[in-house]
C-alpha atoms as a PDB file:
ATOM      1  CA  UNK A   1     -87.512   0.996  36.638  1.00  0.00           C
ATOM      2  CA  UNK A   2     -86.692   0.899  32.930  1.00  0.00           C
ATOM      3  CA  UNK A   3     -85.353   4.092  31.369  1.00  0.00           C
ATOM      4  CA  UNK A   4     -87.560   5.379  28.559  1.00  0.00           C
ATOM      5  CA  UNK A   5     -86.661   7.646  25.683  1.00  0.00           C
ATOM      6  CA  UNK A   6     -88.843   9.596  23.258  1.00  0.00           C
ATOM      7  CA  UNK A   7     -88.002  10.165  19.610  1.00  0.00           C
ATOM      8  CA  UNK A   8     -90.052  12.166  17.047  1.00  0.00           C
ATOM      9  CA  UNK A   9     -89.896  11.147  13.381  1.00  0.00           C
ATOM     10  CA  UNK A  10     -91.041  13.161  10.341  1.00  0.00           C
ATOM     11  CA  UNK A  11     -92.227  11.641   7.049  1.00  0.00           C
ATOM     12  CA  UNK A  12     -92.424  14.250   4.255  1.00  0.00           C
ATOM     13  CA  UNK A  13     -94.013  11.883   1.672  1.00  0.00           C
ATOM     14  CA  UNK A  14     -97.763  12.004   2.534  1.00  0.00           C
ATOM     15  CA  UNK A  15     -98.760   9.040   0.339  1.00  0.00           C
ATOM     16  CA  UNK A  16     -96.041   6.757   1.689  1.00  0.00           C
ATOM     17  CA  UNK A  17     -96.836   7.945   5.213  1.00  0.00           C
ATOM     18  CA  UNK A  18    -100.523   7.064   4.840  1.00  0.00           C
ATOM     19  CA  UNK A  19     -99.645   3.567   3.606  1.00  0.00           C
ATOM     20  CA  UNK A  20     -97.105   3.190   6.388  1.00  0.00           C
ATOM     21  CA  UNK A  21     -99.756   3.903   9.028  1.00  0.00           C
ATOM     22  CA  UNK A  22    -102.246   1.402   7.579  1.00  0.00           C
ATOM     23  CA  UNK A  23    -106.042   1.567   7.898  1.00  0.00           C
ATOM     24  CA  UNK A  24    -106.870   2.903  11.350  1.00  0.00           C
ATOM     25  CA  UNK A  25    -103.129   3.008  12.136  1.00  0.00           C
ATOM     26  CA  UNK A  26    -103.160  -0.816  12.211  1.00  0.00           C
ATOM     27  CA  UNK A  27     -99.512  -1.060  11.127  1.00  0.00           C
ATOM     28  CA  UNK A  28     -98.415   1.141  14.026  1.00  0.00           C
ATOM     29  CA  UNK A  29    -100.470  -0.901  16.482  1.00  0.00           C
ATOM     30  CA  UNK A  30     -98.813  -4.078  15.186  1.00  0.00           C
ATOM     31  CA  UNK A  31     -95.339  -2.573  15.580  1.00  0.00           C
ATOM     32  CA  UNK A  32     -96.228  -1.439  19.109  1.00  0.00           C
ATOM     33  CA  UNK A  33     -97.128  -5.018  19.975  1.00  0.00           C
ATOM     34  CA  UNK A  34     -94.011  -6.469  18.347  1.00  0.00           C
ATOM     35  CA  UNK A  35     -91.531  -3.969  19.802  1.00  0.00           C
ATOM     36  CA  UNK A  36     -93.145  -3.231  23.160  1.00  0.00           C
ATOM     37  CA  UNK A  37     -93.123   0.557  22.759  1.00  0.00           C
ATOM     38  CA  UNK A  38     -95.749   3.318  22.402  1.00  0.00           C
ATOM     39  CA  UNK A  39     -96.305   5.006  19.039  1.00  0.00           C
ATOM     40  CA  UNK A  40     -98.400   8.112  18.390  1.00  0.00           C
ATOM     41  CA  UNK A  41     -99.084   9.690  15.009  1.00  0.00           C
ATOM     42  CA  UNK A  42    -100.097  13.295  14.340  1.00  0.00           C
ATOM     43  CA  UNK A  43     -99.900  15.122  11.030  1.00  0.00           C
ATOM     44  CA  UNK A  44     -96.767  13.934   9.238  1.00  0.00           C
ATOM     45  CA  UNK A  45     -95.037  12.995  12.496  1.00  0.00           C
ATOM     46  CA  UNK A  46     -94.692   9.812  14.517  1.00  0.00           C
ATOM     47  CA  UNK A  47     -93.443   9.801  18.100  1.00  0.00           C
ATOM     48  CA  UNK A  48     -91.814   6.703  19.576  1.00  0.00           C
ATOM     49  CA  UNK A  49     -91.638   6.152  23.345  1.00  0.00           C
ATOM     50  CA  UNK A  50     -89.945   3.225  25.058  1.00  0.00           C
ATOM     51  CA  UNK A  51     -86.611   1.629  25.874  1.00  0.00           C
ATOM     52  CA  UNK A  52     -83.811   3.162  23.815  1.00  0.00           C
ATOM     53  CA  UNK A  53     -82.798   0.003  21.936  1.00  0.00           C
ATOM     54  CA  UNK A  54     -86.440  -0.747  20.997  1.00  0.00           C
ATOM     55  CA  UNK A  55     -87.027   2.835  19.864  1.00  0.00           C
ATOM     56  CA  UNK A  56     -83.892   2.720  17.691  1.00  0.00           C
ATOM     57  CA  UNK A  57     -85.034  -0.589  16.184  1.00  0.00           C
ATOM     58  CA  UNK A  58     -88.485   0.801  15.308  1.00  0.00           C
ATOM     59  CA  UNK A  59     -86.969   3.988  13.859  1.00  0.00           C
ATOM     60  CA  UNK A  60     -84.878   1.798  11.566  1.00  0.00           C
ATOM     61  CA  UNK A  61     -87.890  -0.398  10.759  1.00  0.00           C
ATOM     62  CA  UNK A  62     -90.234   2.492   9.910  1.00  0.00           C
ATOM     63  CA  UNK A  63     -87.619   4.241   7.777  1.00  0.00           C
ATOM     64  CA  UNK A  64     -86.883   1.112   5.752  1.00  0.00           C
ATOM     65  CA  UNK A  65     -90.554   0.195   5.310  1.00  0.00           C
ATOM     66  CA  UNK A  66     -91.290   3.729   4.115  1.00  0.00           C
ATOM     67  CA  UNK A  67     -88.550   3.416   1.483  1.00  0.00           C
ATOM     68  CA  UNK A  68     -90.008   0.076   0.367  1.00  0.00           C
ATOM     69  CA  UNK A  69     -93.420   1.722  -0.031  1.00  0.00           C
ATOM     70  CA  UNK A  70     -91.912   4.561  -2.053  1.00  0.00           C
ATOM     71  CA  UNK A  71     -90.397   1.973  -4.403  1.00  0.00           C
ATOM     72  CA  UNK A  72     -93.790   0.392  -4.986  1.00  0.00           C
ATOM     73  CA  UNK A  73     -93.561  -2.622  -2.684  1.00  0.00           C
ATOM     74  CA  UNK A  74     -97.041  -3.613  -1.412  1.00  0.00           C
ATOM     75  CA  UNK A  75     -96.407  -3.817   2.339  1.00  0.00           C
ATOM     76  CA  UNK A  76     -98.783  -6.100   4.254  1.00  0.00           C
ATOM     77  CA  UNK A  77     -98.991  -6.682   8.001  1.00  0.00           C
ATOM     78  CA  UNK A  78     -97.203 -10.023   7.568  1.00  0.00           C
ATOM     79  CA  UNK A  79     -94.326  -8.206   5.862  1.00  0.00           C
ATOM     80  CA  UNK A  80     -94.015  -5.882   8.846  1.00  0.00           C
ATOM     81  CA  UNK A  81     -93.764  -8.898  11.121  1.00  0.00           C
ATOM     82  CA  UNK A  82     -91.060 -10.432   8.937  1.00  0.00           C
ATOM     83  CA  UNK A  83     -89.199  -7.118   8.710  1.00  0.00           C
ATOM     84  CA  UNK A  84     -89.253  -6.658  12.485  1.00  0.00           C
ATOM     85  CA  UNK A  85     -87.936 -10.193  12.976  1.00  0.00           C
ATOM     86  CA  UNK A  86     -85.120  -9.642  10.463  1.00  0.00           C
ATOM     87  CA  UNK A  87     -83.958  -6.358  11.984  1.00  0.00           C
ATOM     88  CA  UNK A  88     -84.236  -7.774  15.506  1.00  0.00           C
ATOM     89  CA  UNK A  89     -81.650 -10.367  14.477  1.00  0.00           C
ATOM     90  CA  UNK A  90     -79.445  -8.014  12.474  1.00  0.00           C
ATOM     91  CA  UNK A  91     -80.075  -4.262  12.455  1.00  0.00           C
ATOM     92  CA  UNK A  92     -77.599  -3.637   9.624  1.00  0.00           C
ATOM     93  CA  UNK A  93     -79.710  -5.568   7.083  1.00  0.00           C
ATOM     94  CA  UNK A  94     -81.101  -3.547   4.175  1.00  0.00           C
ATOM     95  CA  UNK A  95     -84.676  -4.768   3.751  1.00  0.00           C
ATOM     96  CA  UNK A  96     -84.731  -3.619   0.116  1.00  0.00           C
ATOM     97  CA  UNK A  97     -82.172  -6.295  -0.772  1.00  0.00           C
ATOM     98  CA  UNK A  98     -84.541  -8.960   0.544  1.00  0.00           C
ATOM     99  CA  UNK A  99     -88.086  -7.740  -0.136  1.00  0.00           C
ATOM    100  CA  UNK A 100     -87.409  -6.232  -3.574  1.00  0.00           C
ATOM    101  CA  UNK A 101     -85.844  -9.461  -4.865  1.00  0.00           C
ATOM    102  CA  UNK A 102     -88.794 -10.582  -6.980  1.00  0.00           C
ATOM    103  CA  UNK A 103     -88.733 -14.335  -7.510  1.00  0.00           C
ATOM    104  CA  UNK A 104     -91.989 -14.782  -9.402  1.00  0.00           C
ATOM    105  CA  UNK A 105     -95.503 -13.349  -9.814  1.00  0.00           C
ATOM    106  CA  UNK A 106     -98.066 -16.084  -9.203  1.00  0.00           C
ATOM    107  CA  UNK A 107    -101.255 -16.685 -11.193  1.00  0.00           C
ATOM    108  CA  UNK A 108    -103.045 -14.781  -8.424  1.00  0.00           C
ATOM    109  CA  UNK A 109    -100.886 -11.725  -9.251  1.00  0.00           C
ATOM    110  CA  UNK A 110     -99.095 -12.056  -5.939  1.00  0.00           C
ATOM    111  CA  UNK A 111     -95.407 -11.142  -5.909  1.00  0.00           C
ATOM    112  CA  UNK A 112     -93.334 -13.927  -4.375  1.00  0.00           C
ATOM    113  CA  UNK A 113     -90.246 -12.611  -2.599  1.00  0.00           C
ATOM    114  CA  UNK A 114     -87.942 -13.890   0.160  1.00  0.00           C
ATOM    115  CA  UNK A 115     -89.075 -12.976   3.682  1.00  0.00           C
ATOM    116  CA  UNK A 116     -85.929 -13.640   5.719  1.00  0.00           C
ATOM    117  CA  UNK A 117     -82.147 -13.521   5.435  1.00  0.00           C
ATOM    118  CA  UNK A 118     -81.961 -17.301   5.002  1.00  0.00           C
ATOM    119  CA  UNK A 119     -84.649 -17.225   2.298  1.00  0.00           C
ATOM    120  CA  UNK A 120     -82.649 -14.568   0.423  1.00  0.00           C
ATOM    121  CA  UNK A 121     -79.489 -16.688   0.737  1.00  0.00           C
ATOM    122  CA  UNK A 122     -81.475 -19.683  -0.511  1.00  0.00           C
ATOM    123  CA  UNK A 123     -82.731 -17.847  -3.615  1.00  0.00           C
ATOM    124  CA  UNK A 124     -79.248 -16.524  -4.366  1.00  0.00           C
ATOM    125  CA  UNK A 125     -77.794 -20.024  -3.951  1.00  0.00           C
ATOM    126  CA  UNK A 126     -80.344 -21.515  -6.384  1.00  0.00           C
ATOM    127  CA  UNK A 127     -79.381 -18.877  -8.940  1.00  0.00           C
ATOM    128  CA  UNK A 128     -75.662 -19.510  -8.513  1.00  0.00           C
ATOM    129  CA  UNK A 129     -75.346 -23.270  -7.924  1.00  0.00           C
ATOM    130  CA  UNK A 130     -76.661 -26.274  -9.871  1.00  0.00           C
ATOM    131  CA  UNK A 131     -77.416 -28.250  -6.709  1.00  0.00           C
ATOM    132  CA  UNK A 132     -78.760 -26.687  -3.516  1.00  0.00           C
ATOM    133  CA  UNK A 133     -79.851 -28.280  -0.257  1.00  0.00           C
ATOM    134  CA  UNK A 134     -82.372 -26.341   1.844  1.00  0.00           C
ATOM    135  CA  UNK A 135     -82.472 -27.792   5.369  1.00  0.00           C
ATOM    136  CA  UNK A 136     -84.669 -26.610   8.210  1.00  0.00           C
ATOM    137  CA  UNK A 137     -88.061 -26.835   9.933  1.00  0.00           C
ATOM    138  CA  UNK A 138     -91.467 -26.872   8.277  1.00  0.00           C
ATOM    139  CA  UNK A 139     -92.964 -23.531   7.340  1.00  0.00           C
ATOM    140  CA  UNK A 140     -89.718 -21.836   6.336  1.00  0.00           C
ATOM    141  CA  UNK A 141     -90.611 -21.654   2.628  1.00  0.00           C
ATOM    142  CA  UNK A 142     -88.054 -24.200   1.403  1.00  0.00           C
ATOM    143  CA  UNK A 143     -90.356 -26.038  -0.999  1.00  0.00           C
ATOM    144  CA  UNK A 144     -92.509 -23.038  -1.906  1.00  0.00           C
ATOM    145  CA  UNK A 145     -89.574 -20.841  -2.941  1.00  0.00           C
ATOM    146  CA  UNK A 146     -87.926 -23.716  -4.820  1.00  0.00           C
ATOM    147  CA  UNK A 147     -91.205 -24.179  -6.695  1.00  0.00           C
ATOM    148  CA  UNK A 148     -91.399 -20.466  -7.497  1.00  0.00           C
ATOM    149  CA  UNK A 149     -87.853 -20.563  -8.849  1.00  0.00           C
ATOM    150  CA  UNK A 150     -88.630 -23.670 -10.914  1.00  0.00           C
ATOM    151  CA  UNK A 151     -91.707 -22.088 -12.509  1.00  0.00           C
ATOM    152  CA  UNK A 152     -89.753 -18.875 -13.117  1.00  0.00           C
ATOM    153  CA  UNK A 153     -86.966 -20.815 -14.867  1.00  0.00           C
ATOM    154  CA  UNK A 154     -89.517 -22.689 -16.989  1.00  0.00           C
ATOM    155  CA  UNK A 155     -91.389 -19.523 -18.011  1.00  0.00           C
ATOM    156  CA  UNK A 156     -88.073 -17.838 -18.910  1.00  0.00           C
ATOM    157  CA  UNK A 157     -87.118 -20.958 -20.929  1.00  0.00           C
ATOM    158  CA  UNK A 158     -83.958 -21.501 -18.925  1.00  0.00           C
ATOM    159  CA  UNK A 159     -85.092 -25.114 -18.482  1.00  0.00           C
ATOM    160  CA  UNK A 160     -87.374 -27.275 -20.616  1.00  0.00           C
ATOM    161  CA  UNK A 161     -89.248 -29.035 -17.826  1.00  0.00           C
ATOM    162  CA  UNK A 162     -89.857 -29.318 -14.102  1.00  0.00           C
ATOM    163  CA  UNK A 163     -89.567 -32.588 -12.208  1.00  0.00           C
ATOM    164  CA  UNK A 164     -91.044 -32.724  -8.693  1.00  0.00           C
ATOM    165  CA  UNK A 165     -90.484 -35.742  -6.515  1.00  0.00           C
ATOM    166  CA  UNK A 166     -90.841 -37.012  -2.948  1.00  0.00           C
ATOM    167  CA  UNK A 167     -90.065 -40.284  -1.217  1.00  0.00           C
ATOM    168  CA  UNK A 168     -93.090 -42.379  -0.253  1.00  0.00           C
ATOM    169  CA  UNK A 169     -92.014 -43.492   3.199  1.00  0.00           C
ATOM    170  CA  UNK A 170     -94.612 -46.227   3.440  1.00  0.00           C
ATOM    171  CA  UNK A 171     -93.707 -47.676   0.048  1.00  0.00           C
ATOM    172  CA  UNK A 172     -94.062 -51.195   1.406  1.00  0.00           C
ATOM    173  CA  UNK A 173     -96.815 -53.166   3.028  1.00  0.00           C
ATOM    174  CA  UNK A 174     -99.409 -50.558   4.009  1.00  0.00           C
ATOM    175  CA  UNK A 175     -99.517 -48.938   0.551  1.00  0.00           C
ATOM    176  CA  UNK A 176    -100.611 -52.288  -0.835  1.00  0.00           C
ATOM    177  CA  UNK A 177    -103.998 -51.867   0.816  1.00  0.00           C
ATOM    178  CA  UNK A 178    -104.690 -48.581  -0.940  1.00  0.00           C
ATOM    179  CA  UNK A 179    -106.725 -48.656  -4.177  1.00  0.00           C
ATOM    180  CA  UNK A 180    -105.288 -47.847  -7.594  1.00  0.00           C
ATOM    181  CA  UNK A 181    -101.935 -48.185  -9.339  1.00  0.00           C
ATOM    182  CA  UNK A 182     -98.607 -47.080  -7.863  1.00  0.00           C
ATOM    183  CA  UNK A 183     -99.011 -43.432  -8.909  1.00  0.00           C
ATOM    184  CA  UNK A 184    -102.452 -43.253  -7.275  1.00  0.00           C
ATOM    185  CA  UNK A 185    -101.107 -44.918  -4.149  1.00  0.00           C
ATOM    186  CA  UNK A 186     -98.348 -42.338  -3.656  1.00  0.00           C
ATOM    187  CA  UNK A 187    -100.399 -39.262  -4.660  1.00  0.00           C
ATOM    188  CA  UNK A 188    -101.235 -38.452  -1.000  1.00  0.00           C
ATOM    189  CA  UNK A 189     -97.491 -38.050  -0.363  1.00  0.00           C
ATOM    190  CA  UNK A 190     -97.195 -35.644  -3.305  1.00  0.00           C
ATOM    191  CA  UNK A 191    -100.164 -33.468  -2.297  1.00  0.00           C
ATOM    192  CA  UNK A 192     -98.062 -30.630  -0.773  1.00  0.00           C
ATOM    193  CA  UNK A 193     -96.066 -30.443  -4.003  1.00  0.00           C
ATOM    194  CA  UNK A 194     -99.259 -30.150  -6.065  1.00  0.00           C
ATOM    195  CA  UNK A 195    -100.605 -27.475  -3.697  1.00  0.00           C
ATOM    196  CA  UNK A 196     -97.542 -25.288  -4.145  1.00  0.00           C
ATOM    197  CA  UNK A 197     -97.624 -25.790  -7.915  1.00  0.00           C
ATOM    198  CA  UNK A 198    -101.292 -24.796  -8.221  1.00  0.00           C
ATOM    199  CA  UNK A 199    -100.571 -21.685  -6.165  1.00  0.00           C
ATOM    200  CA  UNK A 200     -98.022 -20.603  -8.787  1.00  0.00           C
ATOM    201  CA  UNK A 201     -99.987 -21.318 -11.974  1.00  0.00           C
ATOM    202  CA  UNK A 202    -103.573 -21.649 -13.176  1.00  0.00           C
ATOM    203  CA  UNK A 203    -105.018 -25.139 -12.759  1.00  0.00           C
ATOM    204  CA  UNK A 204    -105.711 -25.606 -16.486  1.00  0.00           C
ATOM    205  CA  UNK A 205    -102.194 -24.532 -17.438  1.00  0.00           C
ATOM    206  CA  UNK A 206    -100.669 -26.955 -14.944  1.00  0.00           C
ATOM    207  CA  UNK A 207    -102.815 -29.789 -16.303  1.00  0.00           C
ATOM    208  CA  UNK A 208    -101.811 -28.991 -19.895  1.00  0.00           C
ATOM    209  CA  UNK A 209     -98.108 -28.889 -19.020  1.00  0.00           C
ATOM    210  CA  UNK A 210     -98.391 -32.158 -17.120  1.00  0.00           C
ATOM    211  CA  UNK A 211    -100.124 -33.844 -20.060  1.00  0.00           C
ATOM    212  CA  UNK A 212     -97.251 -32.738 -22.291  1.00  0.00           C
ATOM    213  CA  UNK A 213     -94.671 -34.023 -19.780  1.00  0.00           C
ATOM    214  CA  UNK A 214     -93.251 -30.525 -19.263  1.00  0.00           C
ATOM    215  CA  UNK A 215     -94.175 -30.761 -15.591  1.00  0.00           C
ATOM    216  CA  UNK A 216     -93.743 -34.164 -13.993  1.00  0.00           C
ATOM    217  CA  UNK A 217     -94.764 -35.078 -10.456  1.00  0.00           C
ATOM    218  CA  UNK A 218     -93.593 -38.543  -9.468  1.00  0.00           C
ATOM    219  CA  UNK A 219     -92.479 -40.675  -6.536  1.00  0.00           C
ATOM    220  CA  UNK A 220     -88.732 -40.865  -6.032  1.00  0.00           C
ATOM    221  CA  UNK A 221     -88.642 -44.509  -7.143  1.00  0.00           C
ATOM    222  CA  UNK A 222     -89.486 -43.331 -10.678  1.00  0.00           C
ATOM    223  CA  UNK A 223     -86.175 -41.438 -10.897  1.00  0.00           C
ATOM    224  CA  UNK A 224     -84.019 -44.571 -11.013  1.00  0.00           C
ATOM    225  CA  UNK A 225     -82.063 -45.100 -14.232  1.00  0.00           C
ATOM    226  CA  UNK A 226     -82.837 -41.656 -15.661  1.00  0.00           C
ATOM    227  CA  UNK A 227     -80.615 -38.735 -16.669  1.00  0.00           C
ATOM    228  CA  UNK A 228     -82.403 -35.404 -16.342  1.00  0.00           C
ATOM    229  CA  UNK A 229     -81.124 -32.791 -18.807  1.00  0.00           C
ATOM    230  CA  UNK A 230     -82.356 -29.172 -19.057  1.00  0.00           C
ATOM    231  CA  UNK A 231     -84.658 -29.713 -16.083  1.00  0.00           C
ATOM    232  CA  UNK A 232     -85.367 -28.060 -12.756  1.00  0.00           C
ATOM    233  CA  UNK A 233     -85.671 -30.926 -10.271  1.00  0.00           C
ATOM    234  CA  UNK A 234     -87.024 -30.599  -6.738  1.00  0.00           C
ATOM    235  CA  UNK A 235     -86.723 -33.383  -4.175  1.00  0.00           C
ATOM    236  CA  UNK A 236     -89.016 -32.588  -1.250  1.00  0.00           C
ATOM    237  CA  UNK A 237     -89.073 -34.227   2.214  1.00  0.00           C
ATOM    238  CA  UNK A 238     -85.573 -35.518   1.559  1.00  0.00           C
ATOM    239  CA  UNK A 239     -85.057 -36.457   5.223  1.00  0.00           C
ATOM    240  CA  UNK A 240     -87.125 -39.552   4.420  1.00  0.00           C
ATOM    241  CA  UNK A 241     -84.780 -40.801   1.719  1.00  0.00           C
ATOM    242  CA  UNK A 242     -82.484 -43.716   2.477  1.00  0.00           C
ATOM    243  CA  UNK A 243     -78.754 -43.457   1.745  1.00  0.00           C
ATOM    244  CA  UNK A 244     -79.254 -45.424  -1.462  1.00  0.00           C
ATOM    245  CA  UNK A 245     -82.143 -43.234  -2.621  1.00  0.00           C
ATOM    246  CA  UNK A 246     -80.209 -40.020  -2.015  1.00  0.00           C
ATOM    247  CA  UNK A 247     -77.192 -41.317  -3.935  1.00  0.00           C
ATOM    248  CA  UNK A 248     -79.510 -42.335  -6.754  1.00  0.00           C
ATOM    249  CA  UNK A 249     -81.130 -38.903  -6.864  1.00  0.00           C
ATOM    250  CA  UNK A 250     -78.030 -36.702  -6.769  1.00  0.00           C
ATOM    251  CA  UNK A 251     -76.505 -38.708  -9.626  1.00  0.00           C
ATOM    252  CA  UNK A 252     -79.525 -38.055 -11.924  1.00  0.00           C
ATOM    253  CA  UNK A 253     -78.378 -34.510 -12.700  1.00  0.00           C
ATOM    254  CA  UNK A 254     -77.777 -33.954 -16.413  1.00  0.00           C
ATOM    255  CA  UNK A 255     -76.542 -31.095 -18.601  1.00  0.00           C
ATOM    256  CA  UNK A 256     -78.324 -27.776 -18.122  1.00  0.00           C
ATOM    257  CA  UNK A 257     -80.149 -29.085 -15.075  1.00  0.00           C
ATOM    258  CA  UNK A 258     -80.649 -27.594 -11.633  1.00  0.00           C
ATOM    259  CA  UNK A 259     -81.606 -29.568  -8.515  1.00  0.00           C
ATOM    260  CA  UNK A 260     -82.998 -28.367  -5.186  1.00  0.00           C
ATOM    261  CA  UNK A 261     -83.282 -30.779  -2.254  1.00  0.00           C
ATOM    262  CA  UNK A 262     -85.383 -29.795   0.762  1.00  0.00           C
ATOM    263  CA  UNK A 263     -85.937 -31.448   4.115  1.00  0.00           C
ATOM    264  CA  UNK A 264     -86.125 -31.236   7.891  1.00  0.00           C
ATOM    265  CA  UNK A 265     -83.689 -33.521   9.695  1.00  0.00           C
ATOM    266  CA  UNK A 266     -85.763 -33.311  12.890  1.00  0.00           C
ATOM    267  CA  UNK A 267     -88.767 -34.937  11.166  1.00  0.00           C
ATOM    268  CA  UNK A 268     -87.379 -38.262   9.940  1.00  0.00           C
ATOM    269  CA  UNK A 269     -90.058 -40.941   9.479  1.00  0.00           C
ATOM    270  CA  UNK A 270     -87.799 -43.768   8.320  1.00  0.00           C
ATOM    271  CA  UNK A 271     -87.909 -47.120  10.138  1.00  0.00           C
ATOM    272  CA  UNK A 272     -85.612 -47.434  13.146  1.00  0.00           C
ATOM    273  CA  UNK A 273     -82.065 -48.260  12.133  1.00  0.00           C
ATOM    274  CA  UNK A 274     -82.313 -46.640   8.687  1.00  0.00           C
ATOM    275  CA  UNK A 275     -79.929 -43.725   8.040  1.00  0.00           C
ATOM    276  CA  UNK A 276     -81.474 -40.625   6.499  1.00  0.00           C
ATOM    277  CA  UNK A 277     -79.959 -39.837   3.123  1.00  0.00           C
ATOM    278  CA  UNK A 278     -80.236 -36.117   3.897  1.00  0.00           C
ATOM    279  CA  UNK A 279     -78.246 -36.440   7.120  1.00  0.00           C
ATOM    280  CA  UNK A 280     -75.594 -38.514   5.366  1.00  0.00           C
ATOM    281  CA  UNK A 281     -75.310 -36.300   2.285  1.00  0.00           C
ATOM    282  CA  UNK A 282     -74.379 -33.309   4.483  1.00  0.00           C
ATOM    283  CA  UNK A 283     -71.313 -35.227   5.615  1.00  0.00           C
ATOM    284  CA  UNK A 284     -70.432 -36.485   2.129  1.00  0.00           C
ATOM    285  CA  UNK A 285     -71.078 -33.428  -0.068  1.00  0.00           C
ATOM    286  CA  UNK A 286     -70.883 -30.574   2.442  1.00  0.00           C
ATOM    287  CA  UNK A 287     -67.610 -29.255   0.984  1.00  0.00           C
ATOM    288  CA  UNK A 288     -68.124 -30.216  -2.654  1.00  0.00           C
ATOM    289  CA  UNK A 289     -67.588 -27.287  -5.028  1.00  0.00           C
ATOM    290  CA  UNK A 290     -70.703 -26.417  -7.001  1.00  0.00           C
ATOM    291  CA  UNK A 291     -73.063 -27.627  -4.258  1.00  0.00           C
ATOM    292  CA  UNK A 292     -74.495 -25.298  -1.612  1.00  0.00           C
ATOM    293  CA  UNK A 293     -76.217 -26.042   1.690  1.00  0.00           C
ATOM    294  CA  UNK A 294     -78.562 -23.396   3.139  1.00  0.00           C
ATOM    295  CA  UNK A 295     -79.873 -23.785   6.686  1.00  0.00           C
ATOM    296  CA  UNK A 296     -83.158 -22.436   8.038  1.00  0.00           C
ATOM    297  CA  UNK A 297     -84.310 -22.070  11.645  1.00  0.00           C
ATOM    298  CA  UNK A 298     -87.463 -21.118  13.520  1.00  0.00           C
ATOM    299  CA  UNK A 299     -86.562 -17.473  12.758  1.00  0.00           C
ATOM    300  CA  UNK A 300     -87.423 -18.117   9.104  1.00  0.00           C
ATOM    301  CA  UNK A 301     -90.896 -19.591   9.668  1.00  0.00           C
ATOM    302  CA  UNK A 302     -93.456 -17.803   7.475  1.00  0.00           C
ATOM    303  CA  UNK A 303     -96.569 -19.391   8.942  1.00  0.00           C
ATOM    304  CA  UNK A 304     -98.496 -18.229  12.008  1.00  0.00           C
ATOM    305  CA  UNK A 305     -96.099 -16.636  14.567  1.00  0.00           C
ATOM    306  CA  UNK A 306     -96.989 -19.409  17.026  1.00  0.00           C
ATOM    307  CA  UNK A 307     -95.351 -21.962  14.705  1.00  0.00           C
ATOM    308  CA  UNK A 308     -91.971 -20.335  15.296  1.00  0.00           C
ATOM    309  CA  UNK A 309     -92.460 -20.521  19.070  1.00  0.00           C
ATOM    310  CA  UNK A 310     -93.627 -24.151  18.852  1.00  0.00           C
ATOM    311  CA  UNK A 311     -90.544 -25.152  16.866  1.00  0.00           C
ATOM    312  CA  UNK A 312     -88.329 -23.286  19.331  1.00  0.00           C
ATOM    313  CA  UNK A 313     -89.933 -25.165  22.251  1.00  0.00           C
ATOM    314  CA  UNK A 314     -89.481 -28.555  20.595  1.00  0.00           C
ATOM    315  CA  UNK A 315     -85.856 -27.734  19.747  1.00  0.00           C
ATOM    316  CA  UNK A 316     -85.265 -26.824  23.393  1.00  0.00           C
ATOM    317  CA  UNK A 317     -86.706 -30.164  24.518  1.00  0.00           C
ATOM    318  CA  UNK A 318     -84.594 -32.008  21.953  1.00  0.00           C
ATOM    319  CA  UNK A 319     -81.429 -30.307  23.241  1.00  0.00           C
ATOM    320  CA  UNK A 320     -82.318 -31.253  26.814  1.00  0.00           C
ATOM    321  CA  UNK A 321     -82.721 -34.888  25.779  1.00  0.00           C
ATOM    322  CA  UNK A 322     -79.447 -34.825  23.859  1.00  0.00           C
ATOM    323  CA  UNK A 323     -77.612 -33.381  26.845  1.00  0.00           C
ATOM    324  CA  UNK A 324     -79.170 -35.947  29.184  1.00  0.00           C
ATOM    325  CA  UNK A 325     -80.870 -33.317  31.330  1.00  0.00           C
ATOM    326  CA  UNK A 326     -84.485 -34.400  30.836  1.00  0.00           C
ATOM    327  CA  UNK A 327     -86.137 -34.969  34.185  1.00  0.00           C
END
């Protein structure tokens, strides 16, 4: 039988306490589900009952969330989930250093902030280094945060333009059957980049900036022969670049420019026998001064909680195959 402990907590700030509870105590019910303990609220007190390590974790979580609320951070249920995940991995983390790091306020008045330790490291790396590689599974915010940083830099006039690019994996035979010119043929590959961009800025403003060439969305092939000065450049889905394409891209960087390369090395769609430029560049530039690699895992997934578990399951299968233990 598991040993249970009970711990009462008092919250003297009534406004912060009310927000902490959530409508109908929904925040407490969520934390109960996440931590596997019982939580009761009465007056300005909360009582935690459960295994000692879980109770200590929730005490830490509630205290830090309350301080975030007092500092004006709009805590949503998703934030509580992220906060619980962060503290479950490392209880010494100060959530304020992550959640109060405002990256950008979108056109929908939503504050964009990092939601995990790796996301915070990623944002800090983009601020410090001129070339950053964000590597990890889908749903970890690699492209979205890079886009938020790019728009922030443009609005603050730290760069003069944004260049967004992706490789079109099927740039050969099958694209030839699609209607339109080359740009129209590759637009389906650039759709996720457009989606993130329109989430940051009003549609009309994006269109106006694109017409002026201040924001450019183009297939990777269009980067050849160019030098990009005073620009924020994002290469998305970089696992689908060839060695030659990656070398071409990383040598486009000009004065006053910043480049962010994102990709997932477990989702390579290149033809068999082709080496991924993202895999190779880790080996070539991994120790180059002025370049930073940031790695994400299923812990950093900011989509539905099931996505994290799905990625974890696939990674487990991949390791079994690698180790030759698949039955």
